[in-house]
Amino acid sequence: MHAEAFDHPPFEDDWADQLGRLSLGWVTARDDQGLVGFVNVIWDGLVHAFVEDTAVAVRARRRGIGVRLIATAREHAAAAGCEWLHVDFEDHLRDFYLGACGFTPTSAGLIRLR
């Protein structure tokens, strides 16, 4: 589903191993046909959590699944003691994250490594 959501070939690495090592947790959504949504939450081990890899299967989009994934991720991060939930995103997702999910715009820095 990640490859479909982000328009790239499937990765060769062990995705489950990465999740286990780097994640605070993850949230999934399923229907009678299987997995339709996923969001990964990573953290700094203290008070900052970060939304990564929010994905909803093409066949399940526009049904509020992504918003519910983020809401559940927010609840779990707060329960883990995090004080902040961060996200970065491409401009075409601005309405989703800032409007539908309730994130506040901030100034942030970024350096492209590759």
PDB file of N, CA and C in Angstrom:
ATOM      1  N   MET A   1       0.827  -1.181   0.000  1.00  0.00           N
ATOM      2  CA  MET A   1       0.000   0.000   0.000  1.00  0.00           C
ATOM      3  C   MET A   1       0.881   1.258   0.000  1.00  0.00           C
ATOM      4  N   HIS A   2       2.018   1.228   0.690  1.00  0.00           N
ATOM      5  CA  HIS A   2       2.919   2.384   0.719  1.00  0.00           C
ATOM      6  C   HIS A   2       3.340   2.757  -0.699  1.00  0.00           C
ATOM      7  N   ALA A   3       3.728   1.778  -1.490  1.00  0.00           N
ATOM      8  CA  ALA A   3       4.159   2.041  -2.867  1.00  0.00           C
ATOM      9  C   ALA A   3       3.033   2.675  -3.678  1.00  0.00           C
ATOM     10  N   GLU A   4       1.817   2.190  -3.496  1.00  0.00           N
ATOM     11  CA  GLU A   4       0.668   2.751  -4.206  1.00  0.00           C
ATOM     12  C   GLU A   4       0.404   4.190  -3.757  1.00  0.00           C
ATOM     13  N   ALA A   5       0.438   4.430  -2.458  1.00  0.00           N
ATOM     14  CA  ALA A   5       0.114   5.753  -1.926  1.00  0.00           C
ATOM     15  C   ALA A   5       1.139   6.807  -2.313  1.00  0.00           C
ATOM     16  N   PHE A   6       2.412   6.407  -2.394  1.00  0.00           N
ATOM     17  CA  PHE A   6       3.475   7.365  -2.664  1.00  0.00           C
ATOM     18  C   PHE A   6       4.087   7.203  -4.051  1.00  0.00           C
ATOM     19  N   ASP A   7       3.445   6.394  -4.881  1.00  0.00           N
ATOM     20  CA  ASP A   7       3.800   6.237  -6.293  1.00  0.00           C
ATOM     21  C   ASP A   7       5.281   5.906  -6.502  1.00  0.00           C
ATOM     22  N   HIS A   8       5.699   4.776  -5.931  1.00  0.00           N
ATOM     23  CA  HIS A   8       7.070   4.289  -6.111  1.00  0.00           C
ATOM     24  C   HIS A   8       7.046   2.764  -6.155  1.00  0.00           C
ATOM     25  N   PRO A   9       8.105   2.137  -6.646  1.00  0.00           N
ATOM     26  CA  PRO A   9       8.170   0.676  -6.614  1.00  0.00           C
ATOM     27  C   PRO A   9       8.252   0.188  -5.165  1.00  0.00           C
ATOM     28  N   PRO A  10       7.797  -1.016  -4.886  1.00  0.00           N
ATOM     29  CA  PRO A  10       7.910  -1.558  -3.525  1.00  0.00           C
ATOM     30  C   PRO A  10       9.367  -1.598  -3.071  1.00  0.00           C
ATOM     31  N   PHE A  11       9.587  -1.280  -1.790  1.00  0.00           N
ATOM     32  CA  PHE A  11      10.928  -1.337  -1.220  1.00  0.00           C
ATOM     33  C   PHE A  11      11.342  -2.786  -1.001  1.00  0.00           C
ATOM     34  N   GLU A  12      12.631  -3.025  -1.040  1.00  0.00           N
ATOM     35  CA  GLU A  12      13.171  -4.364  -0.812  1.00  0.00           C
ATOM     36  C   GLU A  12      13.420  -4.642   0.669  1.00  0.00           C
ATOM     37  N   ASP A  13      13.424  -3.613   1.512  1.00  0.00           N
ATOM     38  CA  ASP A  13      13.765  -3.802   2.920  1.00  0.00           C
ATOM     39  C   ASP A  13      12.604  -4.382   3.718  1.00  0.00           C
ATOM     40  N   ASP A  14      12.888  -4.773   4.934  1.00  0.00           N
ATOM     41  CA  ASP A  14      11.893  -5.364   5.823  1.00  0.00           C
ATOM     42  C   ASP A  14      11.135  -4.255   6.544  1.00  0.00           C
ATOM     43  N   TRP A  15       9.971  -3.931   6.038  1.00  0.00           N
ATOM     44  CA  TRP A  15       9.160  -2.836   6.561  1.00  0.00           C
ATOM     45  C   TRP A  15       8.777  -3.090   8.012  1.00  0.00           C
ATOM     46  N   ALA A  16       8.406  -4.305   8.360  1.00  0.00           N
ATOM     47  CA  ALA A  16       8.006  -4.615   9.734  1.00  0.00           C
ATOM     48  C   ALA A  16       9.163  -4.397  10.704  1.00  0.00           C
ATOM     49  N   ASP A  17      10.383  -4.738  10.291  1.00  0.00           N
ATOM     50  CA  ASP A  17      11.554  -4.526  11.140  1.00  0.00           C
ATOM     51  C   ASP A  17      11.769  -3.035  11.393  1.00  0.00           C
ATOM     52  N   GLN A  18      11.619  -2.223  10.366  1.00  0.00           N
ATOM     53  CA  GLN A  18      11.766  -0.772  10.529  1.00  0.00           C
ATOM     54  C   GLN A  18      10.740  -0.221  11.513  1.00  0.00           C
ATOM     55  N   LEU A  19       9.512  -0.671  11.391  1.00  0.00           N
ATOM     56  CA  LEU A  19       8.466  -0.192  12.292  1.00  0.00           C
ATOM     57  C   LEU A  19       8.802  -0.532  13.737  1.00  0.00           C
ATOM     58  N   GLY A  20       9.265  -1.749  13.958  1.00  0.00           N
ATOM     59  CA  GLY A  20       9.591  -2.179  15.308  1.00  0.00           C
ATOM     60  C   GLY A  20      10.719  -1.385  15.932  1.00  0.00           C
ATOM     61  N   ARG A  21      11.683  -0.978  15.147  1.00  0.00           N
ATOM     62  CA  ARG A  21      12.845  -0.256  15.663  1.00  0.00           C
ATOM     63  C   ARG A  21      12.604   1.236  15.842  1.00  0.00           C
ATOM     64  N   LEU A  22      11.812   1.833  15.000  1.00  0.00           N
ATOM     65  CA  LEU A  22      11.746   3.291  14.930  1.00  0.00           C
ATOM     66  C   LEU A  22      10.429   3.910  15.385  1.00  0.00           C
ATOM     67  N   SER A  23       9.425   3.121  15.620  1.00  0.00           N
ATOM     68  CA  SER A  23       8.089   3.670  15.841  1.00  0.00           C
ATOM     69  C   SER A  23       7.679   3.720  17.301  1.00  0.00           C
ATOM     70  N   LEU A  24       6.936   4.755  17.635  1.00  0.00           N
ATOM     71  CA  LEU A  24       6.193   4.783  18.881  1.00  0.00           C
ATOM     72  C   LEU A  24       5.010   3.828  18.730  1.00  0.00           C
ATOM     73  N   GLY A  25       4.482   3.769  17.532  1.00  0.00           N
ATOM     74  CA  GLY A  25       3.364   2.886  17.215  1.00  0.00           C
ATOM     75  C   GLY A  25       2.824   3.209  15.844  1.00  0.00           C
ATOM     76  N   TRP A  26       1.831   2.480  15.435  1.00  0.00           N
ATOM     77  CA  TRP A  26       1.197   2.740  14.154  1.00  0.00           C
ATOM     78  C   TRP A  26      -0.273   2.406  14.265  1.00  0.00           C
ATOM     79  N   VAL A  27      -1.036   2.983  13.361  1.00  0.00           N
ATOM     80  CA  VAL A  27      -2.481   2.809  13.340  1.00  0.00           C
ATOM     81  C   VAL A  27      -2.855   2.271  11.974  1.00  0.00           C
ATOM     82  N   THR A  28      -3.751   1.306  11.953  1.00  0.00           N
ATOM     83  CA  THR A  28      -4.217   0.760  10.682  1.00  0.00           C
ATOM     84  C   THR A  28      -5.736   0.865  10.591  1.00  0.00           C
ATOM     85  N   ALA A  29      -6.224   0.818   9.371  1.00  0.00           N
ATOM     86  CA  ALA A  29      -7.660   0.737   9.104  1.00  0.00           C
ATOM     87  C   ALA A  29      -7.860  -0.424   8.142  1.00  0.00           C
ATOM     88  N   ARG A  30      -8.893  -1.184   8.379  1.00  0.00           N
ATOM     89  CA  ARG A  30      -9.175  -2.355   7.546  1.00  0.00           C
ATOM     90  C   ARG A  30     -10.653  -2.383   7.184  1.00  0.00           C
ATOM     91  N   ASP A  31     -10.926  -3.007   6.055  1.00  0.00           N
ATOM     92  CA  ASP A  31     -12.304  -3.304   5.699  1.00  0.00           C
ATOM     93  C   ASP A  31     -12.381  -4.794   5.395  1.00  0.00           C
ATOM     94  N   ASP A  32     -13.488  -5.241   4.845  1.00  0.00           N
ATOM     95  CA  ASP A  32     -13.645  -6.679   4.600  1.00  0.00           C
ATOM     96  C   ASP A  32     -12.680  -7.224   3.549  1.00  0.00           C
ATOM     97  N   GLN A  33     -12.006  -6.346   2.819  1.00  0.00           N
ATOM     98  CA  GLN A  33     -11.031  -6.787   1.819  1.00  0.00           C
ATOM     99  C   GLN A  33      -9.593  -6.693   2.316  1.00  0.00           C
ATOM    100  N   GLY A  34      -9.383  -6.154   3.508  1.00  0.00           N
ATOM    101  CA  GLY A  34      -8.032  -6.073   4.056  1.00  0.00           C
ATOM    102  C   GLY A  34      -7.633  -4.668   4.456  1.00  0.00           C
ATOM    103  N   LEU A  35      -6.327  -4.429   4.469  1.00  0.00           N
ATOM    104  CA  LEU A  35      -5.759  -3.157   4.898  1.00  0.00           C
ATOM    105  C   LEU A  35      -6.132  -2.036   3.927  1.00  0.00           C
ATOM    106  N   VAL A  36      -6.675  -0.942   4.468  1.00  0.00           N
ATOM    107  CA  VAL A  36      -7.016   0.211   3.625  1.00  0.00           C
ATOM    108  C   VAL A  36      -6.366   1.504   4.101  1.00  0.00           C
ATOM    109  N   GLY A  37      -5.780   1.502   5.296  1.00  0.00           N
ATOM    110  CA  GLY A  37      -5.152   2.716   5.792  1.00  0.00           C
ATOM    111  C   GLY A  37      -4.061   2.422   6.791  1.00  0.00           C
ATOM    112  N   PHE A  38      -3.091   3.339   6.845  1.00  0.00           N
ATOM    113  CA  PHE A  38      -1.941   3.152   7.725  1.00  0.00           C
ATOM    114  C   PHE A  38      -1.325   4.506   8.036  1.00  0.00           C
ATOM    115  N   VAL A  39      -0.897   4.692   9.266  1.00  0.00           N
ATOM    116  CA  VAL A  39      -0.054   5.834   9.635  1.00  0.00           C
ATOM    117  C   VAL A  39       0.953   5.347  10.666  1.00  0.00           C
ATOM    118  N   ASN A  40       2.184   5.784  10.508  1.00  0.00           N
ATOM    119  CA  ASN A  40       3.279   5.449  11.405  1.00  0.00           C
ATOM    120  C   ASN A  40       3.551   6.665  12.287  1.00  0.00           C
ATOM    121  N   VAL A  41       3.786   6.440  13.567  1.00  0.00           N
ATOM    122  CA  VAL A  41       4.140   7.520  14.482  1.00  0.00           C
ATOM    123  C   VAL A  41       5.515   7.207  15.058  1.00  0.00           C
ATOM    124  N   ILE A  42       6.481   8.062  14.749  1.00  0.00           N
ATOM    125  CA  ILE A  42       7.814   7.916  15.319  1.00  0.00           C
ATOM    126  C   ILE A  42       7.976   8.984  16.395  1.00  0.00           C
ATOM    127  N   TRP A  43       9.008   8.852  17.222  1.00  0.00           N
ATOM    128  CA  TRP A  43       9.178   9.841  18.285  1.00  0.00           C
ATOM    129  C   TRP A  43      10.623   9.989  18.679  1.00  0.00           C
ATOM    130  N   ASP A  44      10.871  11.004  19.491  1.00  0.00           N
ATOM    131  CA  ASP A  44      12.228  11.278  19.958  1.00  0.00           C
ATOM    132  C   ASP A  44      12.518  10.608  21.296  1.00  0.00           C
ATOM    133  N   GLY A  45      11.584   9.829  21.812  1.00  0.00           N
ATOM    134  CA  GLY A  45      11.751   9.175  23.101  1.00  0.00           C
ATOM    135  C   GLY A  45      11.359  10.060  24.275  1.00  0.00           C
ATOM    136  N   LEU A  46      10.951  11.271  23.995  1.00  0.00           N
ATOM    137  CA  LEU A  46      10.596  12.215  25.057  1.00  0.00           C
ATOM    138  C   LEU A  46       9.203  12.785  24.822  1.00  0.00           C
ATOM    139  N   VAL A  47       9.118  13.975  24.246  1.00  0.00           N
ATOM    140  CA  VAL A  47       7.822  14.655  24.150  1.00  0.00           C
ATOM    141  C   VAL A  47       7.369  14.962  22.726  1.00  0.00           C
ATOM    142  N   HIS A  48       8.181  14.631  21.731  1.00  0.00           N
ATOM    143  CA  HIS A  48       7.828  14.941  20.347  1.00  0.00           C
ATOM    144  C   HIS A  48       7.530  13.660  19.569  1.00  0.00           C
ATOM    145  N   ALA A  49       6.368  13.627  18.937  1.00  0.00           N
ATOM    146  CA  ALA A  49       6.003  12.525  18.044  1.00  0.00           C
ATOM    147  C   ALA A  49       5.827  13.101  16.642  1.00  0.00           C
ATOM    148  N   PHE A  50       6.021  12.256  15.648  1.00  0.00           N
ATOM    149  CA  PHE A  50       6.011  12.690  14.252  1.00  0.00           C
ATOM    150  C   PHE A  50       5.161  11.734  13.424  1.00  0.00           C
ATOM    151  N   VAL A  51       4.210  12.281  12.685  1.00  0.00           N
ATOM    152  CA  VAL A  51       3.384  11.485  11.777  1.00  0.00           C
ATOM    153  C   VAL A  51       4.188  11.213  10.514  1.00  0.00           C
ATOM    154  N   GLU A  52       4.249   9.961  10.125  1.00  0.00           N
ATOM    155  CA  GLU A  52       4.970   9.550   8.917  1.00  0.00           C
ATOM    156  C   GLU A  52       4.113   8.583   8.108  1.00  0.00           C
ATOM    157  N   ASP A  53       4.258   8.647   6.824  1.00  0.00           N
ATOM    158  CA  ASP A  53       3.721   7.624   5.920  1.00  0.00           C
ATOM    159  C   ASP A  53       2.214   7.420   6.011  1.00  0.00           C
ATOM    160  N   THR A  54       1.459   8.484   6.199  1.00  0.00           N
ATOM    161  CA  THR A  54       0.003   8.351   6.170  1.00  0.00           C
ATOM    162  C   THR A  54      -0.407   7.880   4.780  1.00  0.00           C
ATOM    163  N   ALA A  55      -1.129   6.787   4.730  1.00  0.00           N
ATOM    164  CA  ALA A  55      -1.519   6.217   3.435  1.00  0.00           C
ATOM    165  C   ALA A  55      -2.918   5.622   3.532  1.00  0.00           C
ATOM    166  N   VAL A  56      -3.711   5.859   2.504  1.00  0.00           N
ATOM    167  CA  VAL A  56      -5.027   5.242   2.374  1.00  0.00           C
ATOM    168  C   VAL A  56      -5.102   4.644   0.979  1.00  0.00           C
ATOM    169  N   ALA A  57      -5.535   3.405   0.897  1.00  0.00           N
ATOM    170  CA  ALA A  57      -5.657   2.725  -0.394  1.00  0.00           C
ATOM    171  C   ALA A  57      -6.557   3.531  -1.325  1.00  0.00           C
ATOM    172  N   VAL A  58      -6.217   3.555  -2.591  1.00  0.00           N
ATOM    173  CA  VAL A  58      -6.981   4.321  -3.578  1.00  0.00           C
ATOM    174  C   VAL A  58      -8.461   3.969  -3.514  1.00  0.00           C
ATOM    175  N   ARG A  59      -8.783   2.702  -3.387  1.00  0.00           N
ATOM    176  CA  ARG A  59     -10.186   2.265  -3.387  1.00  0.00           C
ATOM    177  C   ARG A  59     -10.966   2.732  -2.158  1.00  0.00           C
ATOM    178  N   ALA A  60     -10.253   3.239  -1.131  1.00  0.00           N
ATOM    179  CA  ALA A  60     -10.917   3.615   0.117  1.00  0.00           C
ATOM    180  C   ALA A  60     -10.820   5.106   0.429  1.00  0.00           C
ATOM    181  N   ARG A  61     -10.333   5.886  -0.482  1.00  0.00           N
ATOM    182  CA  ARG A  61     -10.153   7.318  -0.221  1.00  0.00           C
ATOM    183  C   ARG A  61     -11.479   8.072  -0.217  1.00  0.00           C
ATOM    184  N   ARG A  62     -11.438   9.249   0.399  1.00  0.00           N
ATOM    185  CA  ARG A  62     -12.586  10.169   0.485  1.00  0.00           C
ATOM    186  C   ARG A  62     -13.706   9.619   1.370  1.00  0.00           C
ATOM    187  N   ARG A  63     -13.340   8.792   2.360  1.00  0.00           N
ATOM    188  CA  ARG A  63     -14.328   8.246   3.295  1.00  0.00           C
ATOM    189  C   ARG A  63     -13.993   8.612   4.740  1.00  0.00           C
ATOM    190  N   GLY A  64     -13.016   9.503   4.950  1.00  0.00           N
ATOM    191  CA  GLY A  64     -12.652   9.924   6.299  1.00  0.00           C
ATOM    192  C   GLY A  64     -11.669   9.015   7.011  1.00  0.00           C
ATOM    193  N   ILE A  65     -11.153   8.023   6.311  1.00  0.00           N
ATOM    194  CA  ILE A  65     -10.233   7.072   6.936  1.00  0.00           C
ATOM    195  C   ILE A  65      -8.954   7.764   7.385  1.00  0.00           C
ATOM    196  N   GLY A  66      -8.384   8.606   6.547  1.00  0.00           N
ATOM    197  CA  GLY A  66      -7.146   9.298   6.902  1.00  0.00           C
ATOM    198  C   GLY A  66      -7.311  10.175   8.131  1.00  0.00           C
ATOM    199  N   VAL A  67      -8.416  10.889   8.214  1.00  0.00           N
ATOM    200  CA  VAL A  67      -8.682  11.749   9.370  1.00  0.00           C
ATOM    201  C   VAL A  67      -8.786  10.905  10.636  1.00  0.00           C
ATOM    202  N   ARG A  68      -9.464   9.770  10.556  1.00  0.00           N
ATOM    203  CA  ARG A  68      -9.583   8.893  11.727  1.00  0.00           C
ATOM    204  C   ARG A  68      -8.237   8.288  12.109  1.00  0.00           C
ATOM    205  N   LEU A  69      -7.406   7.957  11.123  1.00  0.00           N
ATOM    206  CA  LEU A  69      -6.069   7.450  11.427  1.00  0.00           C
ATOM    207  C   LEU A  69      -5.270   8.485  12.219  1.00  0.00           C
ATOM    208  N   ILE A  70      -5.287   9.730  11.765  1.00  0.00           N
ATOM    209  CA  ILE A  70      -4.538  10.792  12.440  1.00  0.00           C
ATOM    210  C   ILE A  70      -5.105  11.042  13.838  1.00  0.00           C
ATOM    211  N   ALA A  71      -6.417  11.045  13.989  1.00  0.00           N
ATOM    212  CA  ALA A  71      -7.029  11.257  15.308  1.00  0.00           C
ATOM    213  C   ALA A  71      -6.604  10.165  16.286  1.00  0.00           C
ATOM    214  N   THR A  72      -6.580   8.935  15.826  1.00  0.00           N
ATOM    215  CA  THR A  72      -6.160   7.828  16.690  1.00  0.00           C
ATOM    216  C   THR A  72      -4.678   7.930  17.013  1.00  0.00           C
ATOM    217  N   ALA A  73      -3.868   8.300  16.031  1.00  0.00           N
ATOM    218  CA  ALA A  73      -2.432   8.489  16.269  1.00  0.00           C
ATOM    219  C   ALA A  73      -2.211   9.585  17.306  1.00  0.00           C
ATOM    220  N   ARG A  74      -2.980  10.640  17.211  1.00  0.00           N
ATOM    221  CA  ARG A  74      -2.878  11.749  18.175  1.00  0.00           C
ATOM    222  C   ARG A  74      -3.199  11.267  19.588  1.00  0.00           C
ATOM    223  N   GLU A  75      -4.264  10.494  19.730  1.00  0.00           N
ATOM    224  CA  GLU A  75      -4.649   9.959  21.040  1.00  0.00           C
ATOM    225  C   GLU A  75      -3.552   9.066  21.616  1.00  0.00           C
ATOM    226  N   HIS A  76      -2.986   8.206  20.794  1.00  0.00           N
ATOM    227  CA  HIS A  76      -1.950   7.278  21.262  1.00  0.00           C
ATOM    228  C   HIS A  76      -0.670   8.019  21.643  1.00  0.00           C
ATOM    229  N   ALA A  77      -0.298   9.029  20.867  1.00  0.00           N
ATOM    230  CA  ALA A  77       0.899   9.810  21.189  1.00  0.00           C
ATOM    231  C   ALA A  77       0.711  10.553  22.512  1.00  0.00           C
ATOM    232  N   ALA A  78      -0.460  11.122  22.721  1.00  0.00           N
ATOM    233  CA  ALA A  78      -0.740  11.810  23.985  1.00  0.00           C
ATOM    234  C   ALA A  78      -0.702  10.825  25.152  1.00  0.00           C
ATOM    235  N   ALA A  79      -1.273   9.647  24.962  1.00  0.00           N
ATOM    236  CA  ALA A  79      -1.271   8.632  26.021  1.00  0.00           C
ATOM    237  C   ALA A  79       0.143   8.164  26.360  1.00  0.00           C
ATOM    238  N   ALA A  80       1.055   8.238  25.394  1.00  0.00           N
ATOM    239  CA  ALA A  80       2.449   7.846  25.616  1.00  0.00           C
ATOM    240  C   ALA A  80       3.255   8.955  26.288  1.00  0.00           C
ATOM    241  N   GLY A  81       2.626  10.097  26.537  1.00  0.00           N
ATOM    242  CA  GLY A  81       3.301  11.196  27.209  1.00  0.00           C
ATOM    243  C   GLY A  81       3.863  12.265  26.289  1.00  0.00           C
ATOM    244  N   CYS A  82       3.610  12.144  25.008  1.00  0.00           N
ATOM    245  CA  CYS A  82       4.100  13.159  24.074  1.00  0.00           C
ATOM    246  C   CYS A  82       3.308  14.454  24.254  1.00  0.00           C
ATOM    247  N   GLU A  83       3.994  15.563  24.091  1.00  0.00           N
ATOM    248  CA  GLU A  83       3.354  16.870  24.210  1.00  0.00           C
ATOM    249  C   GLU A  83       3.088  17.513  22.858  1.00  0.00           C
ATOM    250  N   TRP A  84       3.776  17.049  21.827  1.00  0.00           N
ATOM    251  CA  TRP A  84       3.661  17.641  20.496  1.00  0.00           C
ATOM    252  C   TRP A  84       3.557  16.542  19.451  1.00  0.00           C
ATOM    253  N   LEU A  85       2.714  16.769  18.457  1.00  0.00           N
ATOM    254  CA  LEU A  85       2.628  15.876  17.301  1.00  0.00           C
ATOM    255  C   LEU A  85       2.953  16.710  16.068  1.00  0.00           C
ATOM    256  N   HIS A  86       3.999  16.331  15.373  1.00  0.00           N
ATOM    257  CA  HIS A  86       4.489  17.074  14.208  1.00  0.00           C
ATOM    258  C   HIS A  86       4.121  16.343  12.918  1.00  0.00           C
ATOM    259  N   VAL A  87       4.029  17.102  11.854  1.00  0.00           N
ATOM    260  CA  VAL A  87       3.873  16.509  10.527  1.00  0.00           C
ATOM    261  C   VAL A  87       4.493  17.465   9.510  1.00  0.00           C
ATOM    262  N   ASP A  88       5.100  16.910   8.495  1.00  0.00           N
ATOM    263  CA  ASP A  88       5.434  17.721   7.325  1.00  0.00           C
ATOM    264  C   ASP A  88       4.765  17.057   6.135  1.00  0.00           C
ATOM    265  N   PHE A  89       4.480  17.848   5.123  1.00  0.00           N
ATOM    266  CA  PHE A  89       3.673  17.329   4.020  1.00  0.00           C
ATOM    267  C   PHE A  89       3.894  18.178   2.783  1.00  0.00           C
ATOM    268  N   GLU A  90       3.511  17.622   1.662  1.00  0.00           N
ATOM    269  CA  GLU A  90       3.555  18.353   0.399  1.00  0.00           C
ATOM    270  C   GLU A  90       2.351  19.295   0.326  1.00  0.00           C
ATOM    271  N   ASP A  91       2.496  20.364  -0.437  1.00  0.00           N
ATOM    272  CA  ASP A  91       1.465  21.402  -0.496  1.00  0.00           C
ATOM    273  C   ASP A  91       0.072  20.880  -0.835  1.00  0.00           C
ATOM    274  N   HIS A  92      -0.026  19.873  -1.690  1.00  0.00           N
ATOM    275  CA  HIS A  92      -1.358  19.397  -2.079  1.00  0.00           C
ATOM    276  C   HIS A  92      -2.099  18.714  -0.915  1.00  0.00           C
ATOM    277  N   LEU A  93      -1.406  18.448   0.196  1.00  0.00           N
ATOM    278  CA  LEU A  93      -2.037  17.835   1.371  1.00  0.00           C
ATOM    279  C   LEU A  93      -2.348  18.850   2.472  1.00  0.00           C
ATOM    280  N   ARG A  94      -2.149  20.112   2.176  1.00  0.00           N
ATOM    281  CA  ARG A  94      -2.348  21.174   3.170  1.00  0.00           C
ATOM    282  C   ARG A  94      -3.764  21.156   3.760  1.00  0.00           C
ATOM    283  N   ASP A  95      -4.783  21.097   2.935  1.00  0.00           N
ATOM    284  CA  ASP A  95      -6.160  21.094   3.434  1.00  0.00           C
ATOM    285  C   ASP A  95      -6.434  19.883   4.318  1.00  0.00           C
ATOM    286  N   PHE A  96      -5.862  18.746   3.954  1.00  0.00           N
ATOM    287  CA  PHE A  96      -6.052  17.537   4.758  1.00  0.00           C
ATOM    288  C   PHE A  96      -5.454  17.722   6.152  1.00  0.00           C
ATOM    289  N   TYR A  97      -4.166  18.045   6.226  1.00  0.00           N
ATOM    290  CA  TYR A  97      -3.502  18.120   7.530  1.00  0.00           C
ATOM    291  C   TYR A  97      -3.915  19.345   8.348  1.00  0.00           C
ATOM    292  N   LEU A  98      -3.979  20.515   7.726  1.00  0.00           N
ATOM    293  CA  LEU A  98      -4.308  21.727   8.473  1.00  0.00           C
ATOM    294  C   LEU A  98      -5.809  21.886   8.673  1.00  0.00           C
ATOM    295  N   GLY A  99      -6.580  21.540   7.675  1.00  0.00           N
ATOM    296  CA  GLY A  99      -8.026  21.685   7.776  1.00  0.00           C
ATOM    297  C   GLY A  99      -8.692  20.515   8.468  1.00  0.00           C
ATOM    298  N   ALA A 100      -8.654  19.364   7.841  1.00  0.00           N
ATOM    299  CA  ALA A 100      -9.389  18.205   8.340  1.00  0.00           C
ATOM    300  C   ALA A 100      -8.805  17.615   9.622  1.00  0.00           C
ATOM    301  N   CYS A 101      -7.480  17.646   9.757  1.00  0.00           N
ATOM    302  CA  CYS A 101      -6.846  16.992  10.910  1.00  0.00           C
ATOM    303  C   CYS A 101      -6.514  17.943  12.054  1.00  0.00           C
ATOM    304  N   GLY A 102      -6.536  19.244  11.816  1.00  0.00           N
ATOM    305  CA  GLY A 102      -6.358  20.207  12.886  1.00  0.00           C
ATOM    306  C   GLY A 102      -4.939  20.603  13.230  1.00  0.00           C
ATOM    307  N   PHE A 103      -3.969  20.283  12.382  1.00  0.00           N
ATOM    308  CA  PHE A 103      -2.601  20.742  12.629  1.00  0.00           C
ATOM    309  C   PHE A 103      -2.532  22.252  12.431  1.00  0.00           C
ATOM    310  N   THR A 104      -1.619  22.890  13.140  1.00  0.00           N
ATOM    311  CA  THR A 104      -1.378  24.323  13.037  1.00  0.00           C
ATOM    312  C   THR A 104      -0.127  24.552  12.202  1.00  0.00           C
ATOM    313  N   PRO A 105      -0.160  25.481  11.253  1.00  0.00           N
ATOM    314  CA  PRO A 105       1.054  25.734  10.466  1.00  0.00           C
ATOM    315  C   PRO A 105       2.155  26.332  11.341  1.00  0.00           C
ATOM    316  N   THR A 106       3.385  25.930  11.081  1.00  0.00           N
ATOM    317  CA  THR A 106       4.546  26.451  11.807  1.00  0.00           C
ATOM    318  C   THR A 106       5.655  26.738  10.810  1.00  0.00           C
ATOM    319  N   SER A 107       6.658  27.435  11.269  1.00  0.00           N
ATOM    320  CA  SER A 107       7.878  27.604  10.479  1.00  0.00           C
ATOM    321  C   SER A 107       8.812  26.474  10.873  1.00  0.00           C
ATOM    322  N   ALA A 108       9.392  25.836   9.909  1.00  0.00           N
ATOM    323  CA  ALA A 108      10.317  24.736  10.189  1.00  0.00           C
ATOM    324  C   ALA A 108      11.415  24.755   9.143  1.00  0.00           C
ATOM    325  N   GLY A 109      12.515  24.143   9.469  1.00  0.00           N
ATOM    326  CA  GLY A 109      13.633  24.059   8.535  1.00  0.00           C
ATOM    327  C   GLY A 109      13.778  22.655   7.986  1.00  0.00           C
ATOM    328  N   LEU A 110      14.392  22.557   6.809  1.00  0.00           N
ATOM    329  CA  LEU A 110      14.565  21.269   6.154  1.00  0.00           C
ATOM    330  C   LEU A 110      15.803  21.318   5.278  1.00  0.00           C
ATOM    331  N   ILE A 111      16.587  20.264   5.319  1.00  0.00           N
ATOM    332  CA  ILE A 111      17.723  20.106   4.414  1.00  0.00           C
ATOM    333  C   ILE A 111      17.513  18.816   3.640  1.00  0.00           C
ATOM    334  N   ARG A 112      17.496  18.897   2.324  1.00  0.00           N
ATOM    335  CA  ARG A 112      17.364  17.702   1.489  1.00  0.00           C
ATOM    336  C   ARG A 112      18.701  16.972   1.473  1.00  0.00           C
ATOM    337  N   LEU A 113      18.700  15.693   1.814  1.00  0.00           N
ATOM    338  CA  LEU A 113      19.922  14.905   1.884  1.00  0.00           C
ATOM    339  C   LEU A 113      20.195  14.094   0.629  1.00  0.00           C
ATOM    340  N   ARG A 114      19.177  13.802  -0.140  1.00  0.00           N
ATOM    341  CA  ARG A 114      19.366  13.083  -1.410  1.00  0.00           C
ATOM    342  C   ARG A 114      18.404  13.605  -2.434  1.00  0.00           C
TER     343      ARG A 114
END
